[in-house]
Amino acid sequence: MIASFISMGFMAFITGTRFSLGGYDYQNYAFFYDNVIAIHKLDLGEFFSTEKIIGYDRGWYILNSIVKASGLNFFALTMTVSFLFMIVVWWVIRKYLENEMLIPVTFLGFYFLDVGFVYMRQSIAIAIFALSIRFLIGNKRNAFMYFGLITIAATVHFSAFVLYPLWFFTKVTWTKRGARDTVLIGSWR
């Protein structure tokens, strides 16, 4: 567990302290952060009344605004996002997998390089979804908590709404043919 936690912390440090790595998204995130109003200067009533909450990344704006209000720079935001993402996913994988050394191995590929360096909003949405899994399956199944967390994830990245139907598929008894047909129908354009 200690080796797994240290490796995840090291990967979070690397992705959190990157400088201009992540392509065009990195520049967009930095520009966005520079133009965000600090939370203590933000009129929240006007903020939520003038724009829709869902689909306009209001949760992402609020996170940026809080970090900016604390007097920290853009690198503090990237470090915060990296640590939150890595710690949440570490906890979820540790909870659901028996071999904890699969945790760093999982991140050495796509997640570490792509999600960690480029997709900051998506990584927060993924982390929130990872937290919602406990309310999706097993004896802790809870529609209110699951849909609530997915709605919060959608305030950070709108694509999280595609996770709503997952609630209904977890109670279906799947046959091989039914699963195949669902995948074929879902992948048809």
N, C-alpha and C. Protein backbone atom coordinates (compact mmCIF):
# COMPACT_ATOMS: atom_id res chain seq x y z
N MET A 1 0.82 -1.19 0.00
CA MET A 1 0.00 0.00 0.00
C MET A 1 0.87 1.26 0.00
N ILE A 2 1.94 1.24 0.77
CA ILE A 2 2.82 2.40 0.85
C ILE A 2 3.48 2.66 -0.50
N ALA A 3 3.98 1.59 -1.15
CA ALA A 3 4.61 1.74 -2.46
C ALA A 3 3.62 2.27 -3.48
N SER A 4 2.40 1.78 -3.42
CA SER A 4 1.36 2.23 -4.34
C SER A 4 1.05 3.71 -4.11
N PHE A 5 0.91 4.11 -2.87
CA PHE A 5 0.60 5.50 -2.54
C PHE A 5 1.74 6.44 -2.94
N ILE A 6 2.98 6.02 -2.70
CA ILE A 6 4.14 6.83 -3.08
C ILE A 6 4.20 7.00 -4.60
N SER A 7 3.98 5.92 -5.34
CA SER A 7 4.03 6.03 -6.80
C SER A 7 2.91 6.91 -7.34
N MET A 8 1.72 6.81 -6.76
CA MET A 8 0.62 7.68 -7.19
C MET A 8 0.92 9.14 -6.85
N GLY A 9 1.48 9.38 -5.68
CA GLY A 9 1.86 10.73 -5.31
C GLY A 9 2.92 11.30 -6.23
N PHE A 10 3.89 10.47 -6.60
CA PHE A 10 4.94 10.90 -7.52
C PHE A 10 4.35 11.25 -8.89
N MET A 11 3.43 10.41 -9.38
CA MET A 11 2.79 10.71 -10.67
C MET A 11 1.95 11.97 -10.59
N ALA A 12 1.26 12.19 -9.49
CA ALA A 12 0.48 13.42 -9.32
C ALA A 12 1.40 14.63 -9.29
N PHE A 13 2.55 14.49 -8.66
CA PHE A 13 3.52 15.58 -8.61
C PHE A 13 4.02 15.92 -10.02
N ILE A 14 4.33 14.89 -10.80
CA ILE A 14 4.82 15.11 -12.17
C ILE A 14 3.76 15.82 -13.01
N THR A 15 2.54 15.32 -12.98
CA THR A 15 1.50 15.95 -13.80
C THR A 15 1.10 17.31 -13.25
N GLY A 16 1.19 17.48 -11.96
CA GLY A 16 0.80 18.76 -11.36
C GLY A 16 1.81 19.87 -11.56
N THR A 17 3.08 19.51 -11.74
CA THR A 17 4.10 20.54 -11.90
C THR A 17 4.55 20.70 -13.35
N ARG A 18 3.84 20.14 -14.26
CA ARG A 18 4.24 20.25 -15.67
C ARG A 18 4.22 21.71 -16.10
N PHE A 19 4.96 22.03 -17.09
CA PHE A 19 4.98 23.40 -17.60
C PHE A 19 4.75 23.36 -19.10
N SER A 20 3.63 23.87 -19.54
CA SER A 20 3.26 23.94 -20.96
C SER A 20 3.22 22.59 -21.63
N LEU A 21 2.98 21.53 -20.89
CA LEU A 21 2.78 20.21 -21.49
C LEU A 21 1.29 19.92 -21.47
N GLY A 22 0.78 19.46 -22.55
CA GLY A 22 -0.64 19.15 -22.64
C GLY A 22 -1.28 19.79 -23.84
N GLY A 23 -0.46 20.35 -24.71
CA GLY A 23 -0.97 20.89 -25.96
C GLY A 23 -1.82 22.13 -25.77
N TYR A 24 -2.76 22.27 -26.67
CA TYR A 24 -3.61 23.46 -26.71
C TYR A 24 -4.51 23.56 -25.48
N ASP A 25 -4.93 22.42 -24.94
CA ASP A 25 -5.77 22.43 -23.74
C ASP A 25 -5.08 23.12 -22.58
N TYR A 26 -3.79 22.88 -22.42
CA TYR A 26 -3.03 23.49 -21.33
C TYR A 26 -3.12 25.01 -21.43
N GLN A 27 -2.93 25.54 -22.64
CA GLN A 27 -2.99 26.98 -22.85
C GLN A 27 -4.39 27.52 -22.57
N ASN A 28 -5.40 26.76 -22.97
CA ASN A 28 -6.79 27.18 -22.69
C ASN A 28 -7.06 27.21 -21.20
N TYR A 29 -6.60 26.19 -20.48
CA TYR A 29 -6.81 26.15 -19.04
C TYR A 29 -6.09 27.31 -18.34
N ALA A 30 -4.87 27.60 -18.78
CA ALA A 30 -4.10 28.71 -18.19
C ALA A 30 -4.79 30.04 -18.48
N PHE A 31 -5.26 30.23 -19.70
CA PHE A 31 -5.97 31.46 -20.06
C PHE A 31 -7.25 31.60 -19.25
N PHE A 32 -7.99 30.50 -19.12
CA PHE A 32 -9.22 30.50 -18.35
C PHE A 32 -8.94 30.89 -16.90
N TYR A 33 -7.91 30.29 -16.31
CA TYR A 33 -7.56 30.57 -14.93
C TYR A 33 -7.20 32.04 -14.74
N ASP A 34 -6.46 32.58 -15.69
CA ASP A 34 -6.05 33.99 -15.60
C ASP A 34 -7.25 34.93 -15.64
N ASN A 35 -8.34 34.52 -16.26
CA ASN A 35 -9.51 35.38 -16.43
C ASN A 35 -10.65 35.08 -15.46
N VAL A 36 -10.46 34.12 -14.58
CA VAL A 36 -11.48 33.78 -13.59
C VAL A 36 -11.49 34.84 -12.49
N ILE A 37 -12.67 35.14 -11.98
CA ILE A 37 -12.82 36.06 -10.86
C ILE A 37 -12.72 35.25 -9.57
N ALA A 38 -11.91 35.71 -8.63
CA ALA A 38 -11.76 35.03 -7.34
C ALA A 38 -13.12 34.92 -6.66
N ILE A 39 -13.34 33.84 -5.95
CA ILE A 39 -14.64 33.51 -5.36
C ILE A 39 -15.16 34.61 -4.44
N HIS A 40 -14.30 35.28 -3.70
CA HIS A 40 -14.76 36.31 -2.77
C HIS A 40 -15.18 37.59 -3.51
N LYS A 41 -14.80 37.72 -4.78
CA LYS A 41 -15.20 38.88 -5.58
C LYS A 41 -16.34 38.55 -6.54
N LEU A 42 -16.74 37.30 -6.56
CA LEU A 42 -17.75 36.83 -7.51
C LEU A 42 -19.15 36.99 -6.92
N ASP A 43 -20.05 37.57 -7.67
CA ASP A 43 -21.45 37.68 -7.27
C ASP A 43 -22.14 36.38 -7.68
N LEU A 44 -22.27 35.46 -6.72
CA LEU A 44 -22.80 34.12 -7.03
C LEU A 44 -24.24 34.16 -7.51
N GLY A 45 -25.04 35.08 -7.00
CA GLY A 45 -26.43 35.19 -7.46
C GLY A 45 -26.49 35.51 -8.94
N GLU A 46 -25.70 36.48 -9.36
CA GLU A 46 -25.65 36.84 -10.77
C GLU A 46 -24.99 35.73 -11.59
N PHE A 47 -23.97 35.11 -11.02
CA PHE A 47 -23.23 34.04 -11.68
C PHE A 47 -24.15 32.89 -12.09
N PHE A 48 -25.02 32.48 -11.16
CA PHE A 48 -25.90 31.35 -11.45
C PHE A 48 -27.17 31.76 -12.19
N SER A 49 -27.57 33.02 -12.11
CA SER A 49 -28.80 33.43 -12.77
C SER A 49 -28.58 33.81 -14.23
N THR A 50 -27.38 34.27 -14.59
CA THR A 50 -27.15 34.72 -15.96
C THR A 50 -26.79 33.59 -16.90
N GLU A 51 -26.28 32.51 -16.39
CA GLU A 51 -25.89 31.38 -17.22
C GLU A 51 -26.50 30.11 -16.65
N LYS A 52 -26.65 29.13 -17.50
CA LYS A 52 -27.09 27.83 -17.02
C LYS A 52 -25.96 27.20 -16.21
N ILE A 53 -26.33 26.39 -15.25
CA ILE A 53 -25.31 25.74 -14.43
C ILE A 53 -24.72 24.55 -15.18
N ILE A 54 -25.57 23.74 -15.75
CA ILE A 54 -25.12 22.55 -16.46
C ILE A 54 -24.81 22.92 -17.90
N GLY A 55 -23.69 22.42 -18.40
CA GLY A 55 -23.30 22.68 -19.78
C GLY A 55 -22.41 23.90 -19.93
N TYR A 56 -22.20 24.64 -18.86
CA TYR A 56 -21.33 25.81 -18.92
C TYR A 56 -20.15 25.66 -17.96
N ASP A 57 -19.91 24.47 -17.51
CA ASP A 57 -18.76 24.15 -16.66
C ASP A 57 -18.66 25.04 -15.43
N ARG A 58 -19.79 25.26 -14.78
CA ARG A 58 -19.83 26.11 -13.59
C ARG A 58 -19.00 25.53 -12.45
N GLY A 59 -19.00 24.22 -12.30
CA GLY A 59 -18.20 23.60 -11.25
C GLY A 59 -16.72 23.82 -11.47
N TRP A 60 -16.29 23.77 -12.74
CA TRP A 60 -14.89 24.03 -13.08
C TRP A 60 -14.54 25.49 -12.78
N TYR A 61 -15.45 26.39 -13.09
CA TYR A 61 -15.23 27.81 -12.81
C TYR A 61 -15.08 28.03 -11.30
N ILE A 62 -15.95 27.42 -10.52
CA ILE A 62 -15.92 27.58 -9.06
C ILE A 62 -14.60 27.03 -8.50
N LEU A 63 -14.15 25.87 -8.97
CA LEU A 63 -12.88 25.32 -8.50
C LEU A 63 -11.73 26.27 -8.81
N ASN A 64 -11.68 26.78 -10.03
CA ASN A 64 -10.66 27.76 -10.41
C ASN A 64 -10.74 29.00 -9.52
N SER A 65 -11.96 29.46 -9.28
CA SER A 65 -12.19 30.67 -8.49
C SER A 65 -11.72 30.49 -7.04
N ILE A 66 -11.94 29.32 -6.48
CA ILE A 66 -11.51 29.05 -5.10
C ILE A 66 -9.98 29.02 -5.02
N VAL A 67 -9.35 28.32 -5.97
CA VAL A 67 -7.88 28.26 -5.96
C VAL A 67 -7.29 29.65 -6.15
N LYS A 68 -7.88 30.44 -7.05
CA LYS A 68 -7.38 31.78 -7.30
C LYS A 68 -7.56 32.67 -6.06
N ALA A 69 -8.69 32.52 -5.36
CA ALA A 69 -8.95 33.33 -4.17
C ALA A 69 -7.96 33.02 -3.05
N SER A 70 -7.41 31.81 -3.05
CA SER A 70 -6.44 31.46 -2.02
C SER A 70 -5.06 32.07 -2.28
N GLY A 71 -4.93 32.79 -3.41
CA GLY A 71 -3.69 33.46 -3.73
C GLY A 71 -2.68 32.59 -4.46
N LEU A 72 -3.10 31.40 -4.84
CA LEU A 72 -2.21 30.48 -5.52
C LEU A 72 -2.26 30.70 -7.03
N ASN A 73 -1.24 30.23 -7.72
CA ASN A 73 -1.18 30.42 -9.17
C ASN A 73 -1.76 29.22 -9.92
N PHE A 74 -1.64 29.26 -11.24
CA PHE A 74 -2.20 28.21 -12.09
C PHE A 74 -1.58 26.85 -11.79
N PHE A 75 -0.30 26.81 -11.43
CA PHE A 75 0.34 25.53 -11.14
C PHE A 75 -0.25 24.90 -9.88
N ALA A 76 -0.71 25.71 -8.96
CA ALA A 76 -1.39 25.16 -7.78
C ALA A 76 -2.69 24.49 -8.19
N LEU A 77 -3.38 25.06 -9.18
CA LEU A 77 -4.60 24.43 -9.69
C LEU A 77 -4.28 23.09 -10.33
N THR A 78 -3.25 23.05 -11.18
CA THR A 78 -2.91 21.78 -11.84
C THR A 78 -2.49 20.74 -10.81
N MET A 79 -1.76 21.16 -9.80
CA MET A 79 -1.35 20.24 -8.73
C MET A 79 -2.56 19.75 -7.95
N THR A 80 -3.48 20.64 -7.63
CA THR A 80 -4.69 20.26 -6.91
C THR A 80 -5.50 19.25 -7.70
N VAL A 81 -5.72 19.53 -8.97
CA VAL A 81 -6.50 18.62 -9.82
C VAL A 81 -5.80 17.27 -9.92
N SER A 82 -4.49 17.27 -10.11
CA SER A 82 -3.74 16.02 -10.23
C SER A 82 -3.83 15.19 -8.95
N PHE A 83 -3.61 15.84 -7.80
CA PHE A 83 -3.68 15.11 -6.54
C PHE A 83 -5.09 14.59 -6.27
N LEU A 84 -6.10 15.42 -6.49
CA LEU A 84 -7.48 14.95 -6.27
C LEU A 84 -7.80 13.75 -7.14
N PHE A 85 -7.46 13.85 -8.41
CA PHE A 85 -7.74 12.76 -9.35
C PHE A 85 -7.00 11.49 -8.94
N MET A 86 -5.71 11.60 -8.70
CA MET A 86 -4.91 10.41 -8.38
C MET A 86 -5.34 9.78 -7.06
N ILE A 87 -5.61 10.59 -6.06
CA ILE A 87 -6.00 10.04 -4.76
C ILE A 87 -7.36 9.36 -4.82
N VAL A 88 -8.31 9.98 -5.50
CA VAL A 88 -9.64 9.37 -5.60
C VAL A 88 -9.57 8.07 -6.38
N VAL A 89 -8.88 8.07 -7.50
CA VAL A 89 -8.79 6.85 -8.30
C VAL A 89 -7.98 5.79 -7.55
N TRP A 90 -6.94 6.20 -6.84
CA TRP A 90 -6.19 5.26 -6.01
C TRP A 90 -7.11 4.60 -4.98
N TRP A 91 -7.91 5.41 -4.33
CA TRP A 91 -8.82 4.87 -3.31
C TRP A 91 -9.85 3.91 -3.92
N VAL A 92 -10.42 4.28 -5.07
CA VAL A 92 -11.44 3.44 -5.69
C VAL A 92 -10.83 2.13 -6.19
N ILE A 93 -9.69 2.21 -6.85
CA ILE A 93 -9.06 0.97 -7.34
C ILE A 93 -8.65 0.09 -6.16
N ARG A 94 -8.14 0.71 -5.13
CA ARG A 94 -7.75 -0.05 -3.94
C ARG A 94 -8.96 -0.74 -3.30
N LYS A 95 -10.07 -0.07 -3.34
CA LYS A 95 -11.30 -0.63 -2.74
C LYS A 95 -11.83 -1.82 -3.54
N TYR A 96 -11.71 -1.76 -4.87
CA TYR A 96 -12.34 -2.77 -5.70
C TYR A 96 -11.37 -3.80 -6.29
N LEU A 97 -10.06 -3.61 -6.14
CA LEU A 97 -9.09 -4.59 -6.64
C LEU A 97 -8.35 -5.22 -5.48
N GLU A 98 -7.99 -6.49 -5.64
CA GLU A 98 -7.25 -7.17 -4.58
C GLU A 98 -5.75 -6.87 -4.65
N ASN A 99 -5.20 -6.74 -5.86
CA ASN A 99 -3.77 -6.49 -6.02
C ASN A 99 -3.54 -4.99 -6.16
N GLU A 100 -3.03 -4.38 -5.10
CA GLU A 100 -2.85 -2.93 -5.09
C GLU A 100 -1.75 -2.45 -6.03
N MET A 101 -0.84 -3.31 -6.43
CA MET A 101 0.22 -2.89 -7.34
C MET A 101 -0.33 -2.66 -8.75
N LEU A 102 -1.56 -3.05 -9.00
CA LEU A 102 -2.17 -2.74 -10.29
C LEU A 102 -2.49 -1.25 -10.39
N ILE A 103 -2.50 -0.56 -9.27
CA ILE A 103 -2.82 0.87 -9.27
C ILE A 103 -1.79 1.66 -10.07
N PRO A 104 -0.51 1.61 -9.73
CA PRO A 104 0.43 2.39 -10.56
C PRO A 104 0.53 1.88 -11.98
N VAL A 105 0.43 0.57 -12.18
CA VAL A 105 0.49 0.01 -13.52
C VAL A 105 -0.64 0.55 -14.38
N THR A 106 -1.83 0.71 -13.79
CA THR A 106 -2.97 1.25 -14.51
C THR A 106 -2.67 2.65 -15.03
N PHE A 107 -1.93 3.42 -14.28
CA PHE A 107 -1.69 4.81 -14.62
C PHE A 107 -0.47 5.04 -15.51
N LEU A 108 0.34 4.03 -15.72
CA LEU A 108 1.54 4.23 -16.52
C LEU A 108 1.23 4.40 -18.00
N GLY A 109 0.05 4.11 -18.39
CA GLY A 109 -0.33 4.25 -19.78
C GLY A 109 -1.20 5.48 -20.01
N PHE A 110 -2.35 5.27 -20.55
CA PHE A 110 -3.25 6.34 -20.98
C PHE A 110 -3.58 7.34 -19.88
N TYR A 111 -3.98 6.87 -18.73
CA TYR A 111 -4.46 7.78 -17.70
C TYR A 111 -3.38 8.75 -17.24
N PHE A 112 -2.19 8.24 -17.00
CA PHE A 112 -1.13 9.10 -16.51
C PHE A 112 -0.73 10.14 -17.55
N LEU A 113 -0.51 9.70 -18.77
CA LEU A 113 -0.02 10.61 -19.80
C LEU A 113 -1.10 11.50 -20.36
N ASP A 114 -2.24 10.95 -20.64
CA ASP A 114 -3.28 11.72 -21.32
C ASP A 114 -4.18 12.47 -20.34
N VAL A 115 -4.82 11.74 -19.46
CA VAL A 115 -5.74 12.38 -18.52
C VAL A 115 -4.98 13.30 -17.56
N GLY A 116 -3.84 12.83 -17.06
CA GLY A 116 -3.08 13.62 -16.11
C GLY A 116 -2.50 14.89 -16.69
N PHE A 117 -2.09 14.87 -17.94
CA PHE A 117 -1.44 16.03 -18.53
C PHE A 117 -2.37 16.93 -19.33
N VAL A 118 -3.44 16.39 -19.85
CA VAL A 118 -4.26 17.17 -20.78
C VAL A 118 -5.66 17.44 -20.24
N TYR A 119 -6.36 16.43 -19.85
CA TYR A 119 -7.79 16.54 -19.58
C TYR A 119 -8.07 16.84 -18.12
N MET A 120 -7.95 18.09 -17.74
CA MET A 120 -8.14 18.45 -16.34
C MET A 120 -9.61 18.37 -15.93
N ARG A 121 -10.50 18.93 -16.72
CA ARG A 121 -11.93 18.89 -16.37
C ARG A 121 -12.43 17.45 -16.41
N GLN A 122 -12.01 16.70 -17.41
CA GLN A 122 -12.44 15.32 -17.53
C GLN A 122 -11.94 14.49 -16.35
N SER A 123 -10.73 14.77 -15.88
CA SER A 123 -10.20 13.98 -14.77
C SER A 123 -11.01 14.22 -13.50
N ILE A 124 -11.47 15.44 -13.29
CA ILE A 124 -12.34 15.71 -12.13
C ILE A 124 -13.66 14.96 -12.29
N ALA A 125 -14.23 14.99 -13.49
CA ALA A 125 -15.49 14.26 -13.73
C ALA A 125 -15.29 12.76 -13.54
N ILE A 126 -14.16 12.23 -13.99
CA ILE A 126 -13.86 10.80 -13.81
C ILE A 126 -13.73 10.48 -12.33
N ALA A 127 -13.06 11.34 -11.58
CA ALA A 127 -12.90 11.11 -10.15
C ALA A 127 -14.25 11.12 -9.43
N ILE A 128 -15.11 12.06 -9.80
CA ILE A 128 -16.45 12.10 -9.18
C ILE A 128 -17.24 10.85 -9.54
N PHE A 129 -17.14 10.41 -10.81
CA PHE A 129 -17.81 9.16 -11.20
C PHE A 129 -17.25 7.99 -10.40
N ALA A 130 -15.93 7.96 -10.23
CA ALA A 130 -15.32 6.87 -9.46
C ALA A 130 -15.88 6.83 -8.04
N LEU A 131 -16.12 8.01 -7.46
CA LEU A 131 -16.73 8.05 -6.12
C LEU A 131 -18.18 7.58 -6.14
N SER A 132 -18.85 7.78 -7.27
CA SER A 132 -20.27 7.40 -7.36
C SER A 132 -20.48 5.91 -7.55
N ILE A 133 -19.43 5.17 -7.90
CA ILE A 133 -19.57 3.74 -8.16
C ILE A 133 -20.14 3.01 -6.96
N ARG A 134 -19.75 3.42 -5.77
CA ARG A 134 -20.25 2.73 -4.57
C ARG A 134 -21.76 2.84 -4.43
N PHE A 135 -22.37 3.88 -5.03
CA PHE A 135 -23.81 4.05 -4.96
C PHE A 135 -24.51 3.43 -6.17
N LEU A 136 -23.74 2.86 -7.07
CA LEU A 136 -24.26 2.26 -8.28
C LEU A 136 -24.42 0.76 -8.13
N ILE A 137 -23.58 0.14 -7.33
CA ILE A 137 -23.58 -1.32 -7.21
C ILE A 137 -23.60 -1.74 -5.74
N GLY A 138 -23.99 -2.96 -5.51
CA GLY A 138 -23.92 -3.54 -4.18
C GLY A 138 -24.99 -3.07 -3.23
N ASN A 139 -24.73 -3.25 -1.94
CA ASN A 139 -25.73 -2.93 -0.92
C ASN A 139 -25.82 -1.44 -0.59
N LYS A 140 -24.91 -0.64 -1.11
CA LYS A 140 -24.97 0.82 -0.90
C LYS A 140 -25.67 1.53 -2.05
N ARG A 141 -26.31 0.78 -2.93
CA ARG A 141 -26.98 1.34 -4.10
C ARG A 141 -27.97 2.43 -3.66
N ASN A 142 -27.80 3.64 -4.24
CA ASN A 142 -28.61 4.78 -3.82
C ASN A 142 -28.75 5.73 -5.01
N ALA A 143 -29.96 5.81 -5.55
CA ALA A 143 -30.20 6.63 -6.75
C ALA A 143 -29.93 8.10 -6.49
N PHE A 144 -30.36 8.61 -5.35
CA PHE A 144 -30.18 10.03 -5.04
C PHE A 144 -28.69 10.40 -5.02
N MET A 145 -27.87 9.61 -4.35
CA MET A 145 -26.44 9.89 -4.27
C MET A 145 -25.78 9.72 -5.64
N TYR A 146 -26.13 8.66 -6.37
CA TYR A 146 -25.51 8.44 -7.67
C TYR A 146 -25.83 9.59 -8.63
N PHE A 147 -27.12 9.90 -8.79
CA PHE A 147 -27.50 10.97 -9.72
C PHE A 147 -26.99 12.33 -9.25
N GLY A 148 -26.93 12.54 -7.94
CA GLY A 148 -26.40 13.79 -7.41
C GLY A 148 -24.93 13.97 -7.76
N LEU A 149 -24.14 12.91 -7.56
CA LEU A 149 -22.72 13.00 -7.89
C LEU A 149 -22.49 13.16 -9.39
N ILE A 150 -23.28 12.48 -10.19
CA ILE A 150 -23.13 12.60 -11.65
C ILE A 150 -23.52 14.02 -12.09
N THR A 151 -24.51 14.61 -11.45
CA THR A 151 -24.89 15.99 -11.77
C THR A 151 -23.75 16.95 -11.40
N ILE A 152 -23.12 16.72 -10.26
CA ILE A 152 -21.97 17.55 -9.88
C ILE A 152 -20.85 17.37 -10.90
N ALA A 153 -20.60 16.15 -11.32
CA ALA A 153 -19.56 15.89 -12.34
C ALA A 153 -19.90 16.62 -13.64
N ALA A 154 -21.18 16.69 -13.96
CA ALA A 154 -21.60 17.37 -15.20
C ALA A 154 -21.40 18.88 -15.12
N THR A 155 -21.33 19.44 -13.91
CA THR A 155 -21.04 20.87 -13.81
C THR A 155 -19.58 21.16 -14.12
N VAL A 156 -18.74 20.12 -14.05
CA VAL A 156 -17.33 20.27 -14.37
C VAL A 156 -17.08 19.90 -15.83
N HIS A 157 -17.73 18.84 -16.30
CA HIS A 157 -17.64 18.46 -17.71
C HIS A 157 -18.98 17.85 -18.12
N PHE A 158 -19.60 18.48 -19.10
CA PHE A 158 -20.97 18.13 -19.51
C PHE A 158 -21.11 16.67 -19.93
N SER A 159 -20.07 16.06 -20.43
CA SER A 159 -20.16 14.69 -20.92
C SER A 159 -20.54 13.69 -19.83
N ALA A 160 -20.44 14.06 -18.57
CA ALA A 160 -20.80 13.15 -17.48
C ALA A 160 -22.27 12.75 -17.53
N PHE A 161 -23.09 13.51 -18.23
CA PHE A 161 -24.51 13.15 -18.34
C PHE A 161 -24.73 11.81 -19.02
N VAL A 162 -23.78 11.35 -19.82
CA VAL A 162 -23.95 10.05 -20.46
C VAL A 162 -23.90 8.92 -19.45
N LEU A 163 -23.51 9.21 -18.21
CA LEU A 163 -23.45 8.19 -17.17
C LEU A 163 -24.80 7.98 -16.47
N TYR A 164 -25.78 8.83 -16.71
CA TYR A 164 -27.11 8.64 -16.12
C TYR A 164 -27.71 7.28 -16.44
N PRO A 165 -27.75 6.86 -17.71
CA PRO A 165 -28.39 5.58 -18.03
C PRO A 165 -27.70 4.37 -17.41
N LEU A 166 -26.46 4.52 -17.00
CA LEU A 166 -25.73 3.40 -16.41
C LEU A 166 -26.47 2.85 -15.19
N TRP A 167 -27.17 3.70 -14.49
CA TRP A 167 -27.94 3.29 -13.31
C TRP A 167 -28.93 2.17 -13.67
N PHE A 168 -29.56 2.30 -14.80
CA PHE A 168 -30.60 1.36 -15.20
C PHE A 168 -30.02 0.05 -15.74
N PHE A 169 -28.79 0.08 -16.23
CA PHE A 169 -28.17 -1.12 -16.78
C PHE A 169 -27.53 -2.00 -15.73
N THR A 170 -27.33 -1.51 -14.53
CA THR A 170 -26.67 -2.31 -13.51
C THR A 170 -27.58 -3.38 -12.90
N LYS A 171 -28.87 -3.26 -13.07
CA LYS A 171 -29.80 -4.27 -12.54
C LYS A 171 -30.28 -5.24 -13.62
N VAL A 172 -29.81 -5.07 -14.84
CA VAL A 172 -30.21 -5.95 -15.93
C VAL A 172 -29.34 -7.21 -15.89
N THR A 173 -29.97 -8.36 -16.06
CA THR A 173 -29.22 -9.60 -16.18
C THR A 173 -28.83 -9.75 -17.64
N TRP A 174 -27.53 -9.74 -17.89
CA TRP A 174 -27.04 -9.72 -19.26
C TRP A 174 -26.72 -11.13 -19.77
N THR A 175 -27.16 -11.40 -20.97
CA THR A 175 -26.72 -12.58 -21.68
C THR A 175 -25.63 -12.14 -22.65
N LYS A 176 -24.88 -13.09 -23.17
CA LYS A 176 -23.83 -12.72 -24.12
C LYS A 176 -24.43 -12.04 -25.35
N ARG A 177 -25.54 -12.57 -25.82
CA ARG A 177 -26.17 -11.98 -27.00
C ARG A 177 -26.72 -10.58 -26.70
N GLY A 178 -27.34 -10.41 -25.54
CA GLY A 178 -27.87 -9.10 -25.17
C GLY A 178 -26.77 -8.07 -25.04
N ALA A 179 -25.64 -8.46 -24.44
CA ALA A 179 -24.51 -7.54 -24.30
C ALA A 179 -23.94 -7.19 -25.67
N ARG A 180 -23.81 -8.20 -26.52
CA ARG A 180 -23.28 -7.95 -27.87
C ARG A 180 -24.19 -7.02 -28.64
N ASP A 181 -25.50 -7.28 -28.61
CA ASP A 181 -26.45 -6.44 -29.33
C ASP A 181 -26.46 -5.00 -28.80
N THR A 182 -26.35 -4.84 -27.48
CA THR A 182 -26.31 -3.50 -26.89
C THR A 182 -25.08 -2.73 -27.35
N VAL A 183 -23.93 -3.41 -27.38
CA VAL A 183 -22.70 -2.77 -27.85
C VAL A 183 -22.83 -2.40 -29.32
N LEU A 184 -23.39 -3.29 -30.12
CA LEU A 184 -23.55 -3.00 -31.56
C LEU A 184 -24.49 -1.81 -31.79
N ILE A 185 -25.61 -1.79 -31.07
CA ILE A 185 -26.55 -0.69 -31.21
C ILE A 185 -25.93 0.62 -30.71
N GLY A 186 -25.21 0.55 -29.59
CA GLY A 186 -24.58 1.74 -29.04
C GLY A 186 -23.46 2.30 -29.89
N SER A 187 -22.80 1.45 -30.65
CA SER A 187 -21.68 1.91 -31.48
C SER A 187 -22.10 2.27 -32.90
N TRP A 188 -23.34 2.01 -33.24
CA TRP A 188 -23.83 2.33 -34.58
C TRP A 188 -23.99 3.83 -34.73
N ARG A 189 -23.57 4.36 -35.85
CA ARG A 189 -23.66 5.81 -36.06
C ARG A 189 -24.82 6.12 -36.93
